[in-house]
PDB file of N, CA and C in Angstrom:
ATOM      1  N   UNK A   1       3.136 -11.277  -6.993  1.00  0.00           N
ATOM      2  CA  UNK A   1       3.654 -10.030  -6.511  1.00  0.00           C
ATOM      3  C   UNK A   1       4.086  -9.136  -7.658  1.00  0.00           C
ATOM      4  N   UNK A   2       5.091  -9.524  -8.382  1.00  0.00           N
ATOM      5  CA  UNK A   2       5.528  -8.745  -9.521  1.00  0.00           C
ATOM      6  C   UNK A   2       6.551  -7.690  -9.169  1.00  0.00           C
ATOM      7  N   UNK A   3       7.194  -7.213 -10.199  1.00  0.00           N
ATOM      8  CA  UNK A   3       8.234  -6.195 -10.087  1.00  0.00           C
ATOM      9  C   UNK A   3       7.571  -4.827 -10.013  1.00  0.00           C
ATOM     10  N   UNK A   4       7.974  -4.028  -9.049  1.00  0.00           N
ATOM     11  CA  UNK A   4       7.339  -2.730  -8.818  1.00  0.00           C
ATOM     12  C   UNK A   4       8.308  -1.587  -9.105  1.00  0.00           C
ATOM     13  N   UNK A   5       7.747  -0.475  -9.506  1.00  0.00           N
ATOM     14  CA  UNK A   5       8.528   0.720  -9.805  1.00  0.00           C
ATOM     15  C   UNK A   5       7.850   1.935  -9.202  1.00  0.00           C
ATOM     16  N   UNK A   6       8.608   3.014  -9.104  1.00  0.00           N
ATOM     17  CA  UNK A   6       8.042   4.329  -8.842  1.00  0.00           C
ATOM     18  C   UNK A   6       8.196   5.118 -10.130  1.00  0.00           C
ATOM     19  N   UNK A   7       7.133   5.796 -10.533  1.00  0.00           N
ATOM     20  CA  UNK A   7       7.127   6.518 -11.800  1.00  0.00           C
ATOM     21  C   UNK A   7       6.618   7.935 -11.570  1.00  0.00           C
ATOM     22  N   UNK A   8       7.290   8.894 -12.205  1.00  0.00           N
ATOM     23  CA  UNK A   8       6.843  10.286 -12.209  1.00  0.00           C
ATOM     24  C   UNK A   8       6.803  10.752 -13.657  1.00  0.00           C
ATOM     25  N   UNK A   9       5.707  11.418 -13.993  1.00  0.00           N
ATOM     26  CA  UNK A   9       5.558  12.015 -15.311  1.00  0.00           C
ATOM     27  C   UNK A   9       5.080  13.449 -15.134  1.00  0.00           C
ATOM     28  N   UNK A  10       5.822  14.385 -15.692  1.00  0.00           N
ATOM     29  CA  UNK A  10       5.420  15.792 -15.702  1.00  0.00           C
ATOM     30  C   UNK A  10       5.260  16.209 -17.162  1.00  0.00           C
ATOM     31  N   UNK A  11       4.138  16.878 -17.459  1.00  0.00           N
ATOM     32  CA  UNK A  11       3.831  17.282 -18.832  1.00  0.00           C
ATOM     33  C   UNK A  11       3.555  18.784 -18.844  1.00  0.00           C
ATOM     34  N   UNK A  12       4.297  19.490 -19.674  1.00  0.00           N
ATOM     35  CA  UNK A  12       4.112  20.927 -19.829  1.00  0.00           C
ATOM     36  C   UNK A  12       2.747  21.195 -20.456  1.00  0.00           C
ATOM     37  N   UNK A  13       2.091  22.252 -20.022  1.00  0.00           N
ATOM     38  CA  UNK A  13       0.757  22.585 -20.531  1.00  0.00           C
ATOM     39  C   UNK A  13       0.768  22.798 -22.046  1.00  0.00           C
ATOM     40  N   UNK A  14       1.920  23.146 -22.612  1.00  0.00           N
ATOM     41  CA  UNK A  14       2.025  23.369 -24.063  1.00  0.00           C
ATOM     42  C   UNK A  14       1.785  22.092 -24.870  1.00  0.00           C
ATOM     43  N   UNK A  15       2.139  20.938 -24.318  1.00  0.00           N
ATOM     44  CA  UNK A  15       1.940  19.683 -25.058  1.00  0.00           C
ATOM     45  C   UNK A  15       0.817  18.827 -24.459  1.00  0.00           C
ATOM     46  N   UNK A  16       0.024  19.421 -23.585  1.00  0.00           N
ATOM     47  CA  UNK A  16      -1.117  18.687 -23.022  1.00  0.00           C
ATOM     48  C   UNK A  16      -2.086  18.184 -24.092  1.00  0.00           C
ATOM     49  N   UNK A  17      -2.360  18.951 -25.153  1.00  0.00           N
ATOM     50  CA  UNK A  17      -3.260  18.411 -26.187  1.00  0.00           C
ATOM     51  C   UNK A  17      -2.751  17.095 -26.787  1.00  0.00           C
ATOM     52  N   UNK A  18      -1.451  17.004 -27.030  1.00  0.00           N
ATOM     53  CA  UNK A  18      -0.884  15.764 -27.558  1.00  0.00           C
ATOM     54  C   UNK A  18      -1.006  14.634 -26.544  1.00  0.00           C
ATOM     55  N   UNK A  19      -0.734  14.942 -25.286  1.00  0.00           N
ATOM     56  CA  UNK A  19      -0.834  13.925 -24.235  1.00  0.00           C
ATOM     57  C   UNK A  19      -2.270  13.423 -24.114  1.00  0.00           C
ATOM     58  N   UNK A  20      -3.210  14.335 -24.098  1.00  0.00           N
ATOM     59  CA  UNK A  20      -4.617  13.942 -23.991  1.00  0.00           C
ATOM     60  C   UNK A  20      -5.073  13.145 -25.211  1.00  0.00           C
ATOM     61  N   UNK A  21      -4.524  13.434 -26.381  1.00  0.00           N
ATOM     62  CA  UNK A  21      -4.851  12.656 -27.579  1.00  0.00           C
ATOM     63  C   UNK A  21      -4.376  11.213 -27.430  1.00  0.00           C
ATOM     64  N   UNK A  22      -3.195  11.025 -26.859  1.00  0.00           N
ATOM     65  CA  UNK A  22      -2.709   9.665 -26.592  1.00  0.00           C
ATOM     66  C   UNK A  22      -3.635   8.965 -25.605  1.00  0.00           C
ATOM     67  N   UNK A  23      -3.981   9.649 -24.526  1.00  0.00           N
ATOM     68  CA  UNK A  23      -4.838   9.043 -23.507  1.00  0.00           C
ATOM     69  C   UNK A  23      -6.213   8.693 -24.061  1.00  0.00           C
ATOM     70  N   UNK A  24      -6.678   9.451 -25.029  1.00  0.00           N
ATOM     71  CA  UNK A  24      -8.001   9.200 -25.623  1.00  0.00           C
ATOM     72  C   UNK A  24      -8.051   7.878 -26.378  1.00  0.00           C
ATOM     73  N   UNK A  25      -6.890   7.306 -26.687  1.00  0.00           N
ATOM     74  CA  UNK A  25      -6.863   6.023 -27.397  1.00  0.00           C
ATOM     75  C   UNK A  25      -7.077   4.833 -26.473  1.00  0.00           C
ATOM     76  N   UNK A  26      -7.104   5.092 -25.160  1.00  0.00           N
ATOM     77  CA  UNK A  26      -7.226   3.995 -24.191  1.00  0.00           C
ATOM     78  C   UNK A  26      -7.906   4.483 -22.917  1.00  0.00           C
ATOM     79  N   UNK A  27      -9.085   3.941 -22.646  1.00  0.00           N
ATOM     80  CA  UNK A  27      -9.771   4.289 -21.397  1.00  0.00           C
ATOM     81  C   UNK A  27      -8.908   3.945 -20.185  1.00  0.00           C
ATOM     82  N   UNK A  28      -8.180   2.818 -20.280  1.00  0.00           N
ATOM     83  CA  UNK A  28      -7.336   2.390 -19.162  1.00  0.00           C
ATOM     84  C   UNK A  28      -6.214   3.394 -18.896  1.00  0.00           C
ATOM     85  N   UNK A  29      -5.643   3.963 -19.954  1.00  0.00           N
ATOM     86  CA  UNK A  29      -4.569   4.948 -19.787  1.00  0.00           C
ATOM     87  C   UNK A  29      -5.102   6.206 -19.120  1.00  0.00           C
ATOM     88  N   UNK A  30      -6.265   6.657 -19.534  1.00  0.00           N
ATOM     89  CA  UNK A  30      -6.879   7.818 -18.899  1.00  0.00           C
ATOM     90  C   UNK A  30      -7.173   7.578 -17.436  1.00  0.00           C
ATOM     91  N   UNK A  31      -7.651   6.380 -17.133  1.00  0.00           N
ATOM     92  CA  UNK A  31      -7.939   6.019 -15.740  1.00  0.00           C
ATOM     93  C   UNK A  31      -6.647   5.951 -14.926  1.00  0.00           C
ATOM     94  N   UNK A  32      -5.589   5.410 -15.528  1.00  0.00           N
ATOM     95  CA  UNK A  32      -4.300   5.323 -14.835  1.00  0.00           C
ATOM     96  C   UNK A  32      -3.799   6.719 -14.447  1.00  0.00           C
ATOM     97  N   UNK A  33      -3.941   7.673 -15.352  1.00  0.00           N
ATOM     98  CA  UNK A  33      -3.450   9.030 -15.091  1.00  0.00           C
ATOM     99  C   UNK A  33      -4.357   9.786 -14.127  1.00  0.00           C
ATOM    100  N   UNK A  34      -5.658   9.753 -14.383  1.00  0.00           N
ATOM    101  CA  UNK A  34      -6.561  10.638 -13.645  1.00  0.00           C
ATOM    102  C   UNK A  34      -7.275  10.000 -12.458  1.00  0.00           C
ATOM    103  N   UNK A  35      -7.146   8.680 -12.277  1.00  0.00           N
ATOM    104  CA  UNK A  35      -7.815   8.037 -11.138  1.00  0.00           C
ATOM    105  C   UNK A  35      -6.900   7.107 -10.346  1.00  0.00           C
ATOM    106  N   UNK A  36      -6.058   6.353 -11.028  1.00  0.00           N
ATOM    107  CA  UNK A  36      -5.263   5.323 -10.361  1.00  0.00           C
ATOM    108  C   UNK A  36      -3.823   5.767 -10.106  1.00  0.00           C
ATOM    109  N   UNK A  37      -3.656   6.933  -9.583  1.00  0.00           N
ATOM    110  CA  UNK A  37      -2.339   7.483  -9.288  1.00  0.00           C
ATOM    111  C   UNK A  37      -2.153   7.568  -7.769  1.00  0.00           C
ATOM    112  N   UNK A  38      -0.939   7.839  -7.358  1.00  0.00           N
ATOM    113  CA  UNK A  38      -0.671   8.108  -5.938  1.00  0.00           C
ATOM    114  C   UNK A  38      -0.722   9.605  -5.666  1.00  0.00           C
ATOM    115  N   UNK A  39      -0.317  10.380  -6.660  1.00  0.00           N
ATOM    116  CA  UNK A  39      -0.342  11.843  -6.523  1.00  0.00           C
ATOM    117  C   UNK A  39      -0.604  12.441  -7.896  1.00  0.00           C
ATOM    118  N   UNK A  40      -1.480  13.428  -7.939  1.00  0.00           N
ATOM    119  CA  UNK A  40      -1.789  14.134  -9.181  1.00  0.00           C
ATOM    120  C   UNK A  40      -1.830  15.622  -8.884  1.00  0.00           C
ATOM    121  N   UNK A  41      -1.071  16.389  -9.646  1.00  0.00           N
ATOM    122  CA  UNK A  41      -1.060  17.843  -9.508  1.00  0.00           C
ATOM    123  C   UNK A  41      -1.379  18.429 -10.884  1.00  0.00           C
ATOM    124  N   UNK A  42      -2.570  18.988 -11.026  1.00  0.00           N
ATOM    125  CA  UNK A  42      -2.995  19.563 -12.306  1.00  0.00           C
ATOM    126  C   UNK A  42      -2.512  20.996 -12.483  1.00  0.00           C
ATOM    127  N   UNK A  43      -1.840  21.539 -11.475  1.00  0.00           N
ATOM    128  CA  UNK A  43      -1.292  22.893 -11.547  1.00  0.00           C
ATOM    129  C   UNK A  43       0.158  22.872 -11.059  1.00  0.00           C
ATOM    130  N   UNK A  44       0.924  21.935 -11.578  1.00  0.00           N
ATOM    131  CA  UNK A  44       2.305  21.758 -11.157  1.00  0.00           C
ATOM    132  C   UNK A  44       3.111  23.029 -11.427  1.00  0.00           C
ATOM    133  N   UNK A  45       3.910  23.437 -10.488  1.00  0.00           N
ATOM    134  CA  UNK A  45       4.715  24.660 -10.527  1.00  0.00           C
ATOM    135  C   UNK A  45       3.841  25.912 -10.541  1.00  0.00           C
ATOM    136  N   UNK A  46       2.563  25.753 -10.255  1.00  0.00           N
ATOM    137  CA  UNK A  46       1.654  26.893 -10.262  1.00  0.00           C
ATOM    138  C   UNK A  46       1.442  27.485 -11.642  1.00  0.00           C
ATOM    139  N   UNK A  47       1.725  26.685 -12.685  1.00  0.00           N
ATOM    140  CA  UNK A  47       1.649  27.192 -14.053  1.00  0.00           C
ATOM    141  C   UNK A  47       0.757  26.352 -14.956  1.00  0.00           C
ATOM    142  N   UNK A  48      -0.036  25.454 -14.381  1.00  0.00           N
ATOM    143  CA  UNK A  48      -0.962  24.666 -15.185  1.00  0.00           C
ATOM    144  C   UNK A  48      -0.372  23.429 -15.831  1.00  0.00           C
ATOM    145  N   UNK A  49       0.839  23.055 -15.435  1.00  0.00           N
ATOM    146  CA  UNK A  49       1.438  21.822 -15.939  1.00  0.00           C
ATOM    147  C   UNK A  49       0.855  20.644 -15.160  1.00  0.00           C
ATOM    148  N   UNK A  50       1.049  19.438 -15.662  1.00  0.00           N
ATOM    149  CA  UNK A  50       0.528  18.228 -15.027  1.00  0.00           C
ATOM    150  C   UNK A  50       1.680  17.409 -14.463  1.00  0.00           C
ATOM    151  N   UNK A  51       1.515  16.915 -13.245  1.00  0.00           N
ATOM    152  CA  UNK A  51       2.481  15.998 -12.648  1.00  0.00           C
ATOM    153  C   UNK A  51       1.711  14.809 -12.079  1.00  0.00           C
ATOM    154  N   UNK A  52       2.139  13.607 -12.450  1.00  0.00           N
ATOM    155  CA  UNK A  52       1.527  12.381 -11.944  1.00  0.00           C
ATOM    156  C   UNK A  52       2.622  11.515 -11.347  1.00  0.00           C
ATOM    157  N   UNK A  53       2.318  10.898 -10.203  1.00  0.00           N
ATOM    158  CA  UNK A  53       3.257  10.006  -9.528  1.00  0.00           C
ATOM    159  C   UNK A  53       2.542   8.707  -9.191  1.00  0.00           C
ATOM    160  N   UNK A  54       3.199   7.603  -9.514  1.00  0.00           N
ATOM    161  CA  UNK A  54       2.716   6.285  -9.137  1.00  0.00           C
ATOM    162  C   UNK A  54       3.820   5.621  -8.317  1.00  0.00           C
ATOM    163  N   UNK A  55       3.481   5.094  -7.168  1.00  0.00           N
ATOM    164  CA  UNK A  55       4.467   4.357  -6.381  1.00  0.00           C
ATOM    165  C   UNK A  55       4.049   2.900  -6.326  1.00  0.00           C
ATOM    166  N   UNK A  56       5.012   2.046  -6.289  1.00  0.00           N
ATOM    167  CA  UNK A  56       4.782   0.606  -6.200  1.00  0.00           C
ATOM    168  C   UNK A  56       3.820   0.113  -7.280  1.00  0.00           C
ATOM    169  N   UNK A  57       4.102   0.526  -8.519  1.00  0.00           N
ATOM    170  CA  UNK A  57       3.251   0.152  -9.652  1.00  0.00           C
ATOM    171  C   UNK A  57       3.963  -0.886 -10.517  1.00  0.00           C
ATOM    172  N   UNK A  58       3.205  -1.804 -11.060  1.00  0.00           N
ATOM    173  CA  UNK A  58       3.742  -2.756 -12.039  1.00  0.00           C
ATOM    174  C   UNK A  58       3.748  -2.038 -13.385  1.00  0.00           C
ATOM    175  N   UNK A  59       4.889  -1.492 -13.756  1.00  0.00           N
ATOM    176  CA  UNK A  59       5.017  -0.681 -14.973  1.00  0.00           C
ATOM    177  C   UNK A  59       5.548  -1.565 -16.092  1.00  0.00           C
ATOM    178  N   UNK A  60       4.660  -2.357 -16.656  1.00  0.00           N
ATOM    179  CA  UNK A  60       5.017  -3.286 -17.729  1.00  0.00           C
ATOM    180  C   UNK A  60       4.496  -2.744 -19.057  1.00  0.00           C
ATOM    181  N   UNK A  61       5.363  -2.641 -20.067  1.00  0.00           N
ATOM    182  CA  UNK A  61       4.931  -2.157 -21.375  1.00  0.00           C
ATOM    183  C   UNK A  61       3.869  -3.046 -21.999  1.00  0.00           C
ATOM    184  N   UNK A  62       3.754  -4.267 -21.539  1.00  0.00           N
ATOM    185  CA  UNK A  62       2.720  -5.165 -22.069  1.00  0.00           C
ATOM    186  C   UNK A  62       1.322  -4.781 -21.577  1.00  0.00           C
ATOM    187  N   UNK A  63       1.236  -3.935 -20.561  1.00  0.00           N
ATOM    188  CA  UNK A  63      -0.060  -3.427 -20.107  1.00  0.00           C
ATOM    189  C   UNK A  63      -0.467  -2.300 -21.051  1.00  0.00           C
ATOM    190  N   UNK A  64      -1.655  -2.374 -21.646  1.00  0.00           N
ATOM    191  CA  UNK A  64      -2.060  -1.359 -22.634  1.00  0.00           C
ATOM    192  C   UNK A  64      -1.988   0.078 -22.112  1.00  0.00           C
ATOM    193  N   UNK A  65      -2.382   0.307 -20.871  1.00  0.00           N
ATOM    194  CA  UNK A  65      -2.375   1.665 -20.330  1.00  0.00           C
ATOM    195  C   UNK A  65      -0.950   2.203 -20.168  1.00  0.00           C
ATOM    196  N   UNK A  66      -0.041   1.346 -19.783  1.00  0.00           N
ATOM    197  CA  UNK A  66       1.367   1.730 -19.651  1.00  0.00           C
ATOM    198  C   UNK A  66       1.965   1.961 -21.036  1.00  0.00           C
ATOM    199  N   UNK A  67       1.609   1.108 -21.975  1.00  0.00           N
ATOM    200  CA  UNK A  67       2.126   1.219 -23.333  1.00  0.00           C
ATOM    201  C   UNK A  67       1.777   2.560 -23.967  1.00  0.00           C
ATOM    202  N   UNK A  68       0.585   3.064 -23.725  1.00  0.00           N
ATOM    203  CA  UNK A  68       0.182   4.367 -24.263  1.00  0.00           C
ATOM    204  C   UNK A  68       1.095   5.468 -23.727  1.00  0.00           C
ATOM    205  N   UNK A  69       1.356   5.458 -22.441  1.00  0.00           N
ATOM    206  CA  UNK A  69       2.211   6.487 -21.837  1.00  0.00           C
ATOM    207  C   UNK A  69       3.654   6.331 -22.312  1.00  0.00           C
ATOM    208  N   UNK A  70       4.105   5.096 -22.438  1.00  0.00           N
ATOM    209  CA  UNK A  70       5.452   4.845 -22.959  1.00  0.00           C
ATOM    210  C   UNK A  70       5.597   5.381 -24.378  1.00  0.00           C
ATOM    211  N   UNK A  71       4.608   5.133 -25.230  1.00  0.00           N
ATOM    212  CA  UNK A  71       4.656   5.636 -26.608  1.00  0.00           C
ATOM    213  C   UNK A  71       4.721   7.161 -26.629  1.00  0.00           C
ATOM    214  N   UNK A  72       3.913   7.790 -25.798  1.00  0.00           N
ATOM    215  CA  UNK A  72       3.920   9.256 -25.729  1.00  0.00           C
ATOM    216  C   UNK A  72       5.301   9.765 -25.337  1.00  0.00           C
ATOM    217  N   UNK A  73       5.869   9.237 -24.265  1.00  0.00           N
ATOM    218  CA  UNK A  73       7.156   9.744 -23.787  1.00  0.00           C
ATOM    219  C   UNK A  73       8.280   9.459 -24.785  1.00  0.00           C
ATOM    220  N   UNK A  74       8.248   8.310 -25.427  1.00  0.00           N
ATOM    221  CA  UNK A  74       9.287   7.987 -26.417  1.00  0.00           C
ATOM    222  C   UNK A  74       9.194   8.908 -27.622  1.00  0.00           C
ATOM    223  N   UNK A  75       7.976   9.152 -28.106  1.00  0.00           N
ATOM    224  CA  UNK A  75       7.810  10.036 -29.258  1.00  0.00           C
ATOM    225  C   UNK A  75       8.225  11.466 -28.915  1.00  0.00           C
ATOM    226  N   UNK A  76       7.826  11.957 -27.768  1.00  0.00           N
ATOM    227  CA  UNK A  76       8.189  13.314 -27.368  1.00  0.00           C
ATOM    228  C   UNK A  76       9.697  13.444 -27.158  1.00  0.00           C
ATOM    229  N   UNK A  77      10.329  12.382 -26.681  1.00  0.00           N
ATOM    230  CA  UNK A  77      11.762  12.403 -26.414  1.00  0.00           C
ATOM    231  C   UNK A  77      12.577  12.489 -27.700  1.00  0.00           C
ATOM    232  N   UNK A  78      12.023  12.013 -28.804  1.00  0.00           N
ATOM    233  CA  UNK A  78      12.724  12.042 -30.088  1.00  0.00           C
ATOM    234  C   UNK A  78      12.643  13.401 -30.761  1.00  0.00           C
ATOM    235  N   UNK A  79      11.738  14.246 -30.322  1.00  0.00           N
ATOM    236  CA  UNK A  79      11.535  15.570 -30.903  1.00  0.00           C
ATOM    237  C   UNK A  79      12.326  16.591 -30.087  1.00  0.00           C
ATOM    238  N   UNK A  80      13.256  17.284 -30.720  1.00  0.00           N
ATOM    239  CA  UNK A  80      14.143  18.218 -30.010  1.00  0.00           C
ATOM    240  C   UNK A  80      13.372  19.320 -29.285  1.00  0.00           C
ATOM    241  N   UNK A  81      12.252  19.754 -29.815  1.00  0.00           N
ATOM    242  CA  UNK A  81      11.465  20.791 -29.143  1.00  0.00           C
ATOM    243  C   UNK A  81      10.658  20.219 -27.992  1.00  0.00           C
ATOM    244  N   UNK A  82      10.024  19.101 -28.225  1.00  0.00           N
ATOM    245  CA  UNK A  82       9.145  18.521 -27.203  1.00  0.00           C
ATOM    246  C   UNK A  82       9.892  17.850 -26.062  1.00  0.00           C
ATOM    247  N   UNK A  83      11.134  17.447 -26.273  1.00  0.00           N
ATOM    248  CA  UNK A  83      11.857  16.755 -25.206  1.00  0.00           C
ATOM    249  C   UNK A  83      12.090  17.662 -23.992  1.00  0.00           C
ATOM    250  N   UNK A  84      11.969  18.952 -24.179  1.00  0.00           N
ATOM    251  CA  UNK A  84      12.108  19.885 -23.061  1.00  0.00           C
ATOM    252  C   UNK A  84      10.761  20.256 -22.452  1.00  0.00           C
ATOM    253  N   UNK A  85       9.707  19.587 -22.913  1.00  0.00           N
ATOM    254  CA  UNK A  85       8.360  19.906 -22.443  1.00  0.00           C
ATOM    255  C   UNK A  85       7.780  18.840 -21.508  1.00  0.00           C
ATOM    256  N   UNK A  86       8.583  17.847 -21.151  1.00  0.00           N
ATOM    257  CA  UNK A  86       8.098  16.817 -20.244  1.00  0.00           C
ATOM    258  C   UNK A  86       9.279  16.191 -19.511  1.00  0.00           C
ATOM    259  N   UNK A  87       8.950  15.437 -18.486  1.00  0.00           N
ATOM    260  CA  UNK A  87       9.966  14.664 -17.753  1.00  0.00           C
ATOM    261  C   UNK A  87       9.323  13.359 -17.325  1.00  0.00           C
ATOM    262  N   UNK A  88       9.988  12.252 -17.620  1.00  0.00           N
ATOM    263  CA  UNK A  88       9.539  10.924 -17.231  1.00  0.00           C
ATOM    264  C   UNK A  88      10.689  10.230 -16.527  1.00  0.00           C
ATOM    265  N   UNK A  89      10.419   9.701 -15.338  1.00  0.00           N
ATOM    266  CA  UNK A  89      11.425   8.916 -14.619  1.00  0.00           C
ATOM    267  C   UNK A  89      10.740   7.691 -14.039  1.00  0.00           C
ATOM    268  N   UNK A  90      11.366   6.532 -14.275  1.00  0.00           N
ATOM    269  CA  UNK A  90      10.909   5.291 -13.645  1.00  0.00           C
ATOM    270  C   UNK A  90      12.080   4.697 -12.888  1.00  0.00           C
ATOM    271  N   UNK A  91      11.873   4.422 -11.618  1.00  0.00           N
ATOM    272  CA  UNK A  91      12.889   3.800 -10.777  1.00  0.00           C
ATOM    273  C   UNK A  91      12.359   2.436 -10.362  1.00  0.00           C
ATOM    274  N   UNK A  92      13.065   1.395 -10.781  1.00  0.00           N
ATOM    275  CA  UNK A  92      12.661   0.034 -10.450  1.00  0.00           C
ATOM    276  C   UNK A  92      13.226  -0.416  -9.117  1.00  0.00           C
ATOM    277  N   UNK A  93      12.900  -1.628  -8.747  1.00  0.00           N
ATOM    278  CA  UNK A  93      13.352  -2.188  -7.477  1.00  0.00           C
ATOM    279  C   UNK A  93      14.866  -2.393  -7.442  1.00  0.00           C
ATOM    280  N   UNK A  94      15.445  -2.772  -8.581  1.00  0.00           N
ATOM    281  CA  UNK A  94      16.875  -3.007  -8.634  1.00  0.00           C
ATOM    282  C   UNK A  94      17.620  -1.681  -8.719  1.00  0.00           C
ATOM    283  N   UNK A  95      18.757  -1.594  -8.070  1.00  0.00           N
ATOM    284  CA  UNK A  95      19.497  -0.345  -7.922  1.00  0.00           C
ATOM    285  C   UNK A  95      19.787   0.358  -9.251  1.00  0.00           C
ATOM    286  N   UNK A  96      20.187  -0.387 -10.253  1.00  0.00           N
ATOM    287  CA  UNK A  96      20.571   0.207 -11.534  1.00  0.00           C
ATOM    288  C   UNK A  96      19.395   0.412 -12.487  1.00  0.00           C
ATOM    289  N   UNK A  97      18.204   0.016 -12.102  1.00  0.00           N
ATOM    290  CA  UNK A  97      17.039   0.072 -12.993  1.00  0.00           C
ATOM    291  C   UNK A  97      16.373   1.446 -12.926  1.00  0.00           C
ATOM    292  N   UNK A  98      16.872   2.354 -13.764  1.00  0.00           N
ATOM    293  CA  UNK A  98      16.343   3.713 -13.819  1.00  0.00           C
ATOM    294  C   UNK A  98      16.181   4.107 -15.289  1.00  0.00           C
ATOM    295  N   UNK A  99      15.000   4.574 -15.640  1.00  0.00           N
ATOM    296  CA  UNK A  99      14.732   5.101 -16.984  1.00  0.00           C
ATOM    297  C   UNK A  99      14.406   6.575 -16.853  1.00  0.00           C
ATOM    298  N   UNK A 100      14.959   7.373 -17.763  1.00  0.00           N
ATOM    299  CA  UNK A 100      14.671   8.804 -17.762  1.00  0.00           C
ATOM    300  C   UNK A 100      14.474   9.263 -19.199  1.00  0.00           C
ATOM    301  N   UNK A 101      13.447  10.083 -19.402  1.00  0.00           N
ATOM    302  CA  UNK A 101      13.196  10.673 -20.715  1.00  0.00           C
ATOM    303  C   UNK A 101      12.774  12.126 -20.517  1.00  0.00           C
ATOM    304  N   UNK A 102      13.107  12.933 -21.474  1.00  0.00           N
ATOM    305  CA  UNK A 102      12.735  14.337 -21.420  1.00  0.00           C
ATOM    306  C   UNK A 102      13.647  15.118 -20.497  1.00  0.00           C
ATOM    307  N   UNK A 103      13.653  16.439 -20.714  1.00  0.00           N
ATOM    308  CA  UNK A 103      14.538  17.304 -19.950  1.00  0.00           C
ATOM    309  C   UNK A 103      13.805  18.427 -19.237  1.00  0.00           C
ATOM    310  N   UNK A 104      12.489  18.457 -19.376  1.00  0.00           N
ATOM    311  CA  UNK A 104      11.725  19.509 -18.729  1.00  0.00           C
ATOM    312  C   UNK A 104      11.649  19.290 -17.233  1.00  0.00           C
ATOM    313  N   UNK A 105      11.479  20.333 -16.505  1.00  0.00           N
ATOM    314  CA  UNK A 105      11.239  20.310 -15.071  1.00  0.00           C
ATOM    315  C   UNK A 105      12.465  19.863 -14.275  1.00  0.00           C
ATOM    316  N   UNK A 106      12.541  20.328 -13.061  1.00  0.00           N
ATOM    317  CA  UNK A 106      13.640  19.993 -12.154  1.00  0.00           C
ATOM    318  C   UNK A 106      13.228  18.781 -11.315  1.00  0.00           C
ATOM    319  N   UNK A 107      13.197  17.637 -11.965  1.00  0.00           N
ATOM    320  CA  UNK A 107      12.840  16.376 -11.303  1.00  0.00           C
ATOM    321  C   UNK A 107      14.010  15.433 -11.537  1.00  0.00           C
ATOM    322  N   UNK A 108      14.531  14.868 -10.465  1.00  0.00           N
ATOM    323  CA  UNK A 108      15.703  14.011 -10.591  1.00  0.00           C
ATOM    324  C   UNK A 108      15.634  12.860  -9.589  1.00  0.00           C
ATOM    325  N   UNK A 109      16.480  11.897  -9.794  1.00  0.00           N
ATOM    326  CA  UNK A 109      16.561  10.727  -8.925  1.00  0.00           C
ATOM    327  C   UNK A 109      17.580  11.009  -7.828  1.00  0.00           C
ATOM    328  N   UNK A 110      17.198  10.637  -6.615  1.00  0.00           N
ATOM    329  CA  UNK A 110      18.091  10.770  -5.479  1.00  0.00           C
ATOM    330  C   UNK A 110      17.980   9.482  -4.668  1.00  0.00           C
ATOM    331  N   UNK A 111      18.996   8.669  -4.718  1.00  0.00           N
ATOM    332  CA  UNK A 111      19.029   7.444  -3.920  1.00  0.00           C
ATOM    333  C   UNK A 111      19.911   7.705  -2.693  1.00  0.00           C
ATOM    334  N   UNK A 112      19.415   7.351  -1.525  1.00  0.00           N
ATOM    335  CA  UNK A 112      20.196   7.572  -0.332  1.00  0.00           C
ATOM    336  C   UNK A 112      19.907   6.469   0.685  1.00  0.00           C
ATOM    337  N   UNK A 113      20.750   6.397   1.669  1.00  0.00           N
ATOM    338  CA  UNK A 113      20.561   5.455   2.765  1.00  0.00           C
ATOM    339  C   UNK A 113      20.068   6.267   3.973  1.00  0.00           C
ATOM    340  N   UNK A 114      18.947   5.872   4.486  1.00  0.00           N
ATOM    341  CA  UNK A 114      18.403   6.529   5.683  1.00  0.00           C
ATOM    342  C   UNK A 114      18.544   5.572   6.865  1.00  0.00           C
ATOM    343  N   UNK A 115      18.863   6.083   8.012  1.00  0.00           N
ATOM    344  CA  UNK A 115      18.951   5.258   9.224  1.00  0.00           C
ATOM    345  C   UNK A 115      18.575   6.055  10.421  1.00  0.00           C
TER     346      UNK A 115
END
């Protein structure tokens, strides 16, 4: 079965060349973004930004395709200019298991009880 997460990645069109360069290093990473997603919006916010959503995904850094995306988000997060050009959120199965990188876009975590 494995541990599952929900992941959202939004990339500003300004840094798309860098993102695509990362994806070019791994066919699996490109497939994960452009084919094996739950939702893909190539015109996010109506401005040409990219938004990808994966639900119930095994997001393990040991998977080469995941590792490529992790490297991209970590590198962009360390750059003061680029950290505002993307948003990455991973919510794991456990309540406290939430990772967030980048400050771009109005994307946030909302946990609630529905009945």
